[in-house]
Amino acid sequence: MVGPSRPQIVLFGSSIVQMSFGHGGWGAILSEVYARKADIILRGYYGWNSTRALEVVDQVFPKDAEVQPSLVVVYFGGNDSMAPHPSGLGPHVPLSEYVDNMKKIALHLQSLSDTTRIIFLSCPPVDEAKLRQNQSPYLSEVIRTNELCKTYSDACVELCQELGLQVVDLFSTLQKADDWETVCFTDGIHLSAQGSKLVAAEILRVIKEAEWTPSLHWKSMPTEFSEDSPYDLVSADGKSTVNSSEWTYFWEEQWD
């Protein structure tokens, strides 16, 4: 690990997490907002469901690690919620098993430390028309519907309420956008820059409103090497310096 040590925010999930560091992705937004404050660590696994995640959660988040994350953002559900394939193969996980898997993942994360916080992201909607248009003949039996997505999203939200966890209801959040089917997705499933912007905004809102001590809201966290330096830029009056760590960046109004 490079130093100085910073709080760790880990993104753990399937393809929506793995792809979140792409251009305009919600993980990239969080990295930018938390620059010099926290390290955003990506643990995304394309195609995974909650069952596969549960199998390795203790390897991704070992209990004996010297440093434990300050926050884990967890997303599984999109693949779980796909209708079962006639062959019995595929990523589908029955609803009750999905809820049980997510509960076990949450309990493992809660056991890491007294200050490890958790945010779950629920199953988002999909653009069904685009999915039918792009469907491969090899996947003709693999079905994603918004009816199934909502069922799994509601179950995730209900579980978080039961466990006292913070949650972002992605199914409702993305549908708040005008023409959400076309503006929030690239292929009907994965997030566009606009969809990612909505996800990042909701995560940051939840962090800001959460009653966590210490607060993980980005404006409440110290900036690394924020002290004045003789190498700071000279101010307009030529008599003082401008500490670059205190500059008003473009995201301050957008993400505050």
Protein backbone atom coordinates (compact mmCIF):
# COMPACT_ATOMS: atom_id res chain seq x y z
CA MET A 1 0.00 0.00 0.00
CA VAL A 2 1.17 3.51 -0.77
CA GLY A 3 0.87 6.16 1.92
CA PRO A 4 -0.37 8.17 3.60
CA SER A 5 -3.19 5.88 4.62
CA ARG A 6 -6.68 7.05 3.64
CA PRO A 7 -10.16 5.72 4.42
CA GLN A 8 -11.20 3.05 1.95
CA ILE A 9 -14.51 3.02 0.09
CA VAL A 10 -14.99 -0.32 -1.68
CA LEU A 11 -17.44 -0.86 -4.54
CA PHE A 12 -18.46 -4.54 -4.57
CA GLY A 13 -20.79 -5.98 -7.18
CA SER A 14 -21.37 -7.26 -10.68
CA SER A 15 -20.95 -5.55 -14.07
CA ILE A 16 -22.56 -2.25 -13.05
CA VAL A 17 -19.73 -2.02 -10.51
CA GLN A 18 -16.98 -3.40 -12.76
CA MET A 19 -17.82 -0.83 -15.45
CA SER A 20 -18.27 2.07 -13.02
CA PHE A 21 -14.78 3.46 -13.59
CA GLY A 22 -15.44 3.95 -17.31
CA HIS A 23 -15.85 7.42 -18.79
CA GLY A 24 -18.56 9.21 -16.82
CA GLY A 25 -19.13 6.17 -14.61
CA TRP A 26 -20.45 6.53 -11.07
CA GLY A 27 -17.31 4.99 -9.59
CA ALA A 28 -15.20 7.49 -11.49
CA ILE A 29 -17.39 10.30 -10.15
CA LEU A 30 -16.88 9.11 -6.59
CA SER A 31 -13.11 8.91 -7.16
CA GLU A 32 -13.11 12.49 -8.36
CA VAL A 33 -15.26 13.77 -5.51
CA TYR A 34 -13.16 11.95 -2.89
CA ALA A 35 -9.80 12.90 -4.37
CA ARG A 36 -7.24 13.43 -1.57
CA LYS A 37 -9.83 12.28 0.97
CA ALA A 38 -10.51 8.55 0.47
CA ASP A 39 -9.45 5.73 -1.83
CA ILE A 40 -12.23 4.30 -4.00
CA ILE A 41 -11.45 0.61 -4.53
CA LEU A 42 -13.14 -1.38 -7.29
CA ARG A 43 -14.19 -4.98 -6.72
CA GLY A 44 -16.58 -5.55 -9.61
CA TYR A 45 -17.22 -8.91 -11.28
CA TYR A 46 -19.04 -9.01 -14.61
CA GLY A 47 -21.91 -11.52 -14.72
CA TRP A 48 -21.86 -12.42 -11.03
CA ASN A 49 -24.91 -13.02 -8.89
CA SER A 50 -25.29 -12.93 -5.10
CA THR A 51 -24.55 -16.64 -4.75
CA ARG A 52 -21.14 -16.30 -6.38
CA ALA A 53 -20.44 -13.18 -4.33
CA LEU A 54 -21.26 -14.94 -1.09
CA GLU A 55 -18.81 -17.73 -1.95
CA VAL A 56 -15.87 -15.29 -1.96
CA VAL A 57 -16.96 -12.42 0.28
CA ASP A 58 -14.55 -13.55 3.00
CA GLN A 59 -11.69 -13.50 0.47
CA VAL A 60 -12.56 -10.05 -0.87
CA PHE A 61 -13.11 -8.78 2.69
CA PRO A 62 -10.98 -10.89 5.05
CA LYS A 63 -11.78 -10.39 8.71
CA ASP A 64 -8.10 -10.39 9.67
CA ALA A 65 -7.08 -7.62 7.25
CA GLU A 66 -4.90 -4.96 8.84
CA VAL A 67 -7.08 -2.18 7.39
CA GLN A 68 -10.84 -2.52 7.05
CA PRO A 69 -12.97 -0.42 4.69
CA SER A 70 -14.79 2.61 6.00
CA LEU A 71 -17.64 2.06 3.53
CA VAL A 72 -18.72 -0.78 1.24
CA VAL A 73 -21.21 -0.08 -1.55
CA VAL A 74 -22.79 -3.40 -2.58
CA TYR A 75 -24.71 -4.15 -5.76
CA PHE A 76 -26.08 -7.54 -6.76
CA GLY A 77 -29.52 -8.31 -8.13
CA GLY A 78 -29.61 -7.59 -11.84
CA ASN A 79 -28.33 -11.03 -12.76
CA ASP A 80 -30.14 -12.77 -9.90
CA SER A 81 -33.45 -11.37 -11.12
CA MET A 82 -33.19 -12.82 -14.61
CA ALA A 83 -35.83 -15.47 -15.25
CA PRO A 84 -34.58 -19.04 -14.83
CA HIS A 85 -33.29 -20.75 -17.98
CA PRO A 86 -35.01 -24.02 -19.00
CA SER A 87 -31.61 -25.76 -18.80
CA GLY A 88 -31.28 -24.89 -15.13
CA LEU A 89 -28.07 -23.00 -15.88
CA GLY A 90 -27.55 -19.26 -15.84
CA PRO A 91 -27.33 -16.52 -13.21
CA HIS A 92 -30.90 -16.68 -11.88
CA VAL A 93 -31.19 -16.90 -8.10
CA PRO A 94 -34.63 -17.51 -6.52
CA LEU A 95 -35.89 -14.49 -4.61
CA SER A 96 -35.73 -16.05 -1.15
CA GLU A 97 -32.18 -17.28 -1.79
CA TYR A 98 -31.18 -13.84 -3.09
CA VAL A 99 -32.45 -12.20 0.11
CA ASP A 100 -30.66 -14.77 2.25
CA ASN A 101 -27.41 -14.28 0.30
CA MET A 102 -27.57 -10.51 0.64
CA LYS A 103 -28.28 -10.79 4.36
CA LYS A 104 -25.23 -13.01 4.84
CA ILE A 105 -23.06 -10.60 2.83
CA ALA A 106 -24.28 -7.71 4.99
CA LEU A 107 -23.62 -9.58 8.23
CA HIS A 108 -20.10 -10.45 7.09
CA LEU A 109 -19.37 -6.83 6.23
CA GLN A 110 -20.78 -5.64 9.55
CA SER A 111 -18.41 -8.03 11.34
CA LEU A 112 -15.30 -6.43 9.79
CA SER A 113 -15.19 -3.49 12.22
CA ASP A 114 -17.41 -1.26 14.31
CA THR A 115 -16.89 1.58 11.84
CA THR A 116 -17.42 -0.24 8.54
CA ARG A 117 -20.52 1.26 6.95
CA ILE A 118 -22.65 -0.33 4.22
CA ILE A 119 -24.83 0.95 1.40
CA PHE A 120 -26.78 -1.50 -0.76
CA LEU A 121 -27.86 -0.61 -4.28
CA SER A 122 -31.08 -2.34 -5.31
CA CYS A 123 -31.84 -3.87 -8.70
CA PRO A 124 -32.30 -1.18 -11.39
CA PRO A 125 -34.88 -1.25 -14.19
CA VAL A 126 -34.01 -2.20 -17.77
CA ASP A 127 -35.02 -1.00 -21.21
CA GLU A 128 -37.00 -4.06 -22.25
CA ALA A 129 -37.49 -2.89 -25.84
CA LYS A 130 -33.77 -2.44 -26.41
CA LEU A 131 -33.03 -5.79 -24.82
CA ARG A 132 -35.41 -7.54 -27.21
CA GLN A 133 -33.84 -5.68 -30.11
CA ASN A 134 -30.29 -6.67 -29.12
CA GLN A 135 -31.09 -10.19 -27.91
CA SER A 136 -28.70 -12.84 -29.19
CA PRO A 137 -30.36 -16.00 -30.54
CA TYR A 138 -28.12 -17.94 -28.15
CA LEU A 139 -29.73 -16.12 -25.23
CA SER A 140 -33.32 -16.19 -26.42
CA GLU A 141 -34.42 -18.03 -23.28
CA VAL A 142 -32.72 -15.54 -20.94
CA ILE A 143 -35.32 -13.02 -19.88
CA ARG A 144 -35.02 -9.71 -18.03
CA THR A 145 -38.23 -7.86 -17.22
CA ASN A 146 -38.99 -4.82 -15.13
CA GLU A 147 -41.56 -6.83 -13.22
CA LEU A 148 -38.79 -9.14 -12.00
CA CYS A 149 -36.38 -6.25 -11.44
CA LYS A 150 -38.90 -4.48 -9.22
CA THR A 151 -39.57 -7.61 -7.20
CA TYR A 152 -35.87 -8.03 -6.41
CA SER A 153 -35.38 -4.31 -5.83
CA ASP A 154 -38.26 -4.19 -3.34
CA ALA A 155 -36.85 -7.24 -1.54
CA CYS A 156 -33.43 -5.57 -1.24
CA VAL A 157 -34.95 -2.37 0.14
CA GLU A 158 -37.06 -4.34 2.62
CA LEU A 159 -34.00 -6.29 3.79
CA CYS A 160 -32.04 -3.08 4.37
CA GLN A 161 -34.90 -1.66 6.41
CA GLU A 162 -34.91 -4.87 8.48
CA LEU A 163 -31.14 -4.72 9.08
CA GLY A 164 -30.94 -0.95 9.54
CA LEU A 165 -28.73 -0.51 6.45
CA GLN A 166 -28.59 2.41 4.07
CA VAL A 167 -29.97 1.65 0.61
CA VAL A 168 -30.33 3.36 -2.75
CA ASP A 169 -33.48 2.26 -4.56
CA LEU A 170 -32.08 2.20 -8.10
CA PHE A 171 -35.34 0.96 -9.57
CA SER A 172 -37.09 4.19 -8.55
CA THR A 173 -34.07 6.51 -8.86
CA LEU A 174 -33.37 5.87 -12.53
CA GLN A 175 -37.02 6.16 -13.52
CA LYS A 176 -37.13 9.73 -12.21
CA ALA A 177 -35.24 10.82 -15.34
CA ASP A 178 -37.20 11.91 -18.40
CA ASP A 179 -36.96 9.27 -21.13
CA TRP A 180 -35.06 7.10 -18.65
CA GLU A 181 -35.07 4.04 -20.93
CA THR A 182 -32.94 5.83 -23.53
CA VAL A 183 -30.86 8.24 -21.41
CA CYS A 184 -29.87 5.99 -18.48
CA PHE A 185 -28.51 2.96 -20.34
CA THR A 186 -26.02 2.14 -23.07
CA ASP A 187 -27.43 -1.25 -24.02
CA GLY A 188 -30.65 -1.46 -22.03
CA ILE A 189 -28.86 -2.82 -18.94
CA HIS A 190 -25.59 -1.04 -18.23
CA LEU A 191 -25.45 2.58 -17.18
CA SER A 192 -24.75 5.54 -19.40
CA ALA A 193 -22.99 8.65 -18.10
CA GLN A 194 -26.39 10.17 -17.29
CA GLY A 195 -27.52 7.04 -15.45
CA SER A 196 -24.24 6.96 -13.53
CA LYS A 197 -24.68 10.60 -12.58
CA LEU A 198 -28.02 9.78 -10.96
CA VAL A 199 -26.51 6.82 -9.09
CA ALA A 200 -23.55 8.87 -7.81
CA ALA A 201 -25.85 11.67 -6.66
CA GLU A 202 -28.01 9.24 -4.66
CA ILE A 203 -25.00 7.56 -3.05
CA LEU A 204 -23.59 10.94 -2.04
CA ARG A 205 -26.97 12.03 -0.69
CA VAL A 206 -27.23 8.90 1.45
CA ILE A 207 -23.69 9.41 2.77
CA LYS A 208 -24.40 13.03 3.63
CA GLU A 209 -27.65 12.25 5.45
CA ALA A 210 -26.41 9.15 7.28
CA GLU A 211 -25.80 9.66 11.00
CA TRP A 212 -22.36 8.06 10.95
CA THR A 213 -19.51 8.95 13.26
CA PRO A 214 -17.15 9.88 11.81
CA SER A 215 -19.03 11.32 8.87
CA LEU A 216 -18.04 10.01 5.44
CA HIS A 217 -19.50 12.97 3.60
CA TRP A 218 -16.69 14.21 1.37
CA LYS A 219 -16.83 17.80 2.63
CA SER A 220 -16.52 16.58 6.22
CA MET A 221 -13.35 14.60 5.58
CA PRO A 222 -9.85 16.06 5.83
CA THR A 223 -7.93 16.81 2.64
CA GLU A 224 -4.55 15.13 2.40
CA PHE A 225 -1.62 17.61 2.63
CA SER A 226 -3.99 20.57 2.89
CA GLU A 227 -1.60 22.77 4.84
CA ASP A 228 -0.27 25.95 3.25
CA SER A 229 2.92 25.54 1.27
CA PRO A 230 5.51 27.96 -0.16
CA TYR A 231 4.83 26.21 -3.47
CA ASP A 232 1.19 27.32 -3.61
CA LEU A 233 0.22 29.73 -6.35
CA VAL A 234 0.66 33.43 -5.74
CA SER A 235 -2.61 35.30 -5.28
CA ALA A 236 -3.69 38.19 -7.46
CA ASP A 237 -2.41 40.76 -4.94
CA GLY A 238 1.05 39.20 -5.01
CA LYS A 239 1.20 39.27 -1.18
CA SER A 240 -0.20 35.84 -0.34
CA THR A 241 -0.56 32.36 -1.77
CA VAL A 242 -3.59 30.39 -2.89
CA ASN A 243 -3.82 26.94 -1.34
CA SER A 244 -4.89 24.69 -4.20
CA SER A 245 -6.48 22.21 -1.81
CA GLU A 246 -9.06 24.85 -0.93
CA TRP A 247 -10.04 25.70 -4.49
CA THR A 248 -13.73 25.47 -5.36
CA TYR A 249 -13.87 22.56 -7.77
CA PHE A 250 -16.63 22.15 -10.30
CA TRP A 251 -18.31 19.37 -8.33
CA GLU A 252 -18.76 21.30 -5.09
CA GLU A 253 -22.11 22.80 -6.06
CA GLN A 254 -23.11 19.71 -8.03
CA TRP A 255 -22.46 17.12 -5.35
CA ASP A 256 -22.77 19.06 -2.11
